[in-house]
Protein backbone atom coordinates (compact mmCIF):
# COMPACT_ATOMS: atom_id res chain seq x y z
CA MET A 1 0.00 0.00 0.00
CA ARG A 2 2.88 2.38 0.64
CA TRP A 3 3.71 2.48 -3.10
CA LEU A 4 0.13 3.58 -3.82
CA MET A 5 0.44 6.49 -1.40
CA ALA A 6 3.80 7.42 -2.92
CA VAL A 7 2.13 7.63 -6.33
CA VAL A 8 -0.70 9.80 -4.97
CA VAL A 9 1.70 12.16 -3.18
CA GLY A 10 3.88 12.35 -6.30
CA VAL A 11 0.88 13.32 -8.45
CA ALA A 12 -0.15 15.91 -5.87
CA LEU A 13 3.35 17.40 -5.72
CA LEU A 14 3.54 17.69 -9.49
CA ALA A 15 0.11 19.29 -9.66
CA ALA A 16 0.95 21.76 -6.91
CA THR A 17 4.32 22.89 -8.11
CA GLY A 18 4.01 22.65 -11.91
CA ASP A 19 5.38 25.75 -13.62
CA ALA A 20 4.06 28.09 -10.94
CA GLY A 21 6.92 27.50 -8.48
CA TRP A 22 6.72 27.46 -4.70
CA ALA A 23 5.99 31.12 -3.97
CA LYS A 24 2.47 31.50 -5.39
CA ALA A 25 -0.54 30.53 -3.24
CA ASP A 26 -2.76 28.03 -5.04
CA SER A 27 -4.74 24.84 -4.52
CA SER A 28 -6.00 21.95 -6.60
CA THR A 29 -8.01 18.77 -6.22
CA LEU A 30 -7.39 15.74 -8.40
CA ARG A 31 -9.28 12.46 -8.49
CA GLY A 32 -9.24 9.34 -10.55
CA GLN A 33 -9.36 5.59 -10.68
CA TYR A 34 -7.44 2.77 -12.25
CA PRO A 35 -7.91 -0.99 -12.47
CA TRP A 36 -6.30 -3.23 -9.88
CA PRO A 37 -2.74 -3.94 -11.10
CA ASP A 38 -2.19 -7.31 -12.76
CA GLY A 39 -0.58 -9.98 -10.68
CA ASN A 40 -1.30 -12.48 -7.97
CA VAL A 41 -1.23 -11.67 -4.28
CA GLY A 42 0.21 -14.03 -1.67
CA GLY A 43 1.51 -13.73 1.83
CA PRO A 44 3.03 -15.56 4.78
CA CYS A 45 -0.41 -16.69 6.03
CA ALA A 46 -1.65 -18.02 2.67
CA ASP A 47 -0.81 -21.38 1.14
CA GLU A 48 -1.86 -20.15 -2.30
CA PHE A 49 -2.05 -17.04 -4.44
CA ILE A 50 -5.19 -14.95 -4.91
CA VAL A 51 -6.02 -13.26 -8.21
CA PHE A 52 -7.77 -9.92 -7.58
CA HIS A 53 -9.61 -7.50 -9.86
CA GLY A 54 -11.55 -4.29 -9.28
CA LEU A 55 -10.98 -0.53 -9.17
CA VAL A 56 -8.68 1.63 -7.07
CA HIS A 57 -10.05 5.16 -6.47
CA TRP A 58 -7.89 8.09 -5.37
CA VAL A 59 -8.32 11.78 -4.57
CA THR A 60 -5.77 14.41 -3.52
CA HIS A 61 -6.08 18.00 -2.42
CA THR A 62 -2.97 20.15 -2.57
CA THR A 63 -2.48 23.70 -1.33
CA VAL A 64 0.57 25.91 -1.68
CA ASP A 65 0.37 28.79 0.81
CA ASP A 66 1.75 32.33 0.50
CA THR A 67 5.01 31.35 2.19
CA GLY A 68 5.62 28.45 -0.16
CA GLY A 69 4.44 25.73 2.21
CA LEU A 70 2.92 22.69 0.55
CA HIS A 71 -0.04 20.93 2.23
CA VAL A 72 -1.27 17.61 0.82
CA THR A 73 -4.16 15.36 1.78
CA GLY A 74 -5.04 12.20 -0.05
CA GLU A 75 -7.25 9.13 0.08
CA ILE A 76 -7.10 5.82 -1.75
CA ASN A 77 -9.87 3.24 -1.52
CA PHE A 78 -10.62 -0.05 -3.20
CA HIS A 79 -14.00 -0.32 -4.89
CA ASP A 80 -15.42 -3.77 -5.44
CA VAL A 81 -11.98 -5.44 -5.38
CA LYS A 82 -12.60 -9.19 -5.36
CA GLY A 83 -10.37 -12.20 -5.75
CA VAL A 84 -10.37 -15.95 -6.17
CA ALA A 85 -7.72 -18.27 -4.72
CA GLU A 86 -5.96 -20.14 -7.52
CA THR A 87 -6.10 -23.63 -5.99
CA SER A 88 -9.06 -23.77 -3.60
CA GLY A 89 -11.35 -21.37 -5.45
CA THR A 90 -12.09 -19.52 -2.19
CA ARG A 91 -13.56 -16.09 -2.90
CA TYR A 92 -12.31 -12.94 -1.19
CA ARG A 93 -13.20 -9.26 -0.92
CA PHE A 94 -10.36 -6.82 -0.34
CA ILE A 95 -11.49 -3.65 1.43
CA SER A 96 -8.92 -0.93 1.97
CA VAL A 97 -8.83 2.79 2.77
CA ASN A 98 -5.61 4.77 3.00
CA TYR A 99 -5.28 8.39 4.17
CA ILE A 100 -2.29 10.68 4.05
CA HIS A 101 -1.72 14.20 5.32
CA ALA A 102 1.58 15.98 4.78
CA ASN A 103 2.96 19.49 5.28
CA PHE A 104 6.19 20.64 3.64
CA THR A 105 7.46 24.08 4.58
CA ASN A 106 10.02 25.91 2.47
CA GLY A 107 13.12 24.30 3.94
CA ALA A 108 12.02 24.56 7.58
CA SER A 109 10.25 21.30 8.41
CA THR A 110 8.25 18.37 7.11
CA TYR A 111 5.34 16.63 8.77
CA GLN A 112 3.53 13.55 7.47
CA GLU A 113 1.00 11.13 8.88
CA GLN A 114 -0.59 8.16 7.21
CA GLU A 115 -3.34 5.72 8.17
CA ASP A 116 -3.83 2.44 6.33
CA THR A 117 -6.77 0.12 6.97
CA ALA A 118 -7.14 -3.12 5.03
CA ARG A 119 -9.44 -6.12 5.40
CA LEU A 120 -9.36 -9.39 3.49
CA ILE A 121 -12.75 -11.06 3.88
CA SER A 122 -13.80 -14.60 3.00
CA ALA A 123 -16.65 -16.90 3.92
CA GLY A 124 -14.07 -19.65 4.41
CA PRO A 125 -13.47 -22.99 2.72
CA GLY A 126 -16.38 -25.12 1.58
CA THR A 127 -18.75 -22.18 1.01
CA THR A 128 -19.90 -20.60 -2.22
């Protein structure tokens, strides 16, 4: 999930700075979605891989203040992301919401906080 937030912050930084530079006060909001990236997901608790599909939604709001400080908020959430285990056929729903808030002042300090919540839900083996 951290790579997703890095992408969102990167987009926000590009949108905020652009050709205008750091000294002009401005703000922008961007939003979009993209399909779940191709590939199987596995982990230390799973004996098999799960193939997911669905949409990833994101929104960022960026403000550059009069002193050149950059303030970014962002959210990423999974919409209807579902998966099927390759061997057992067990069905899963992947629910995730990620928030980020960051402040970058013109050389003085940086502050960032991030909250990630993810749930992998299944009815369990032997159910349809």
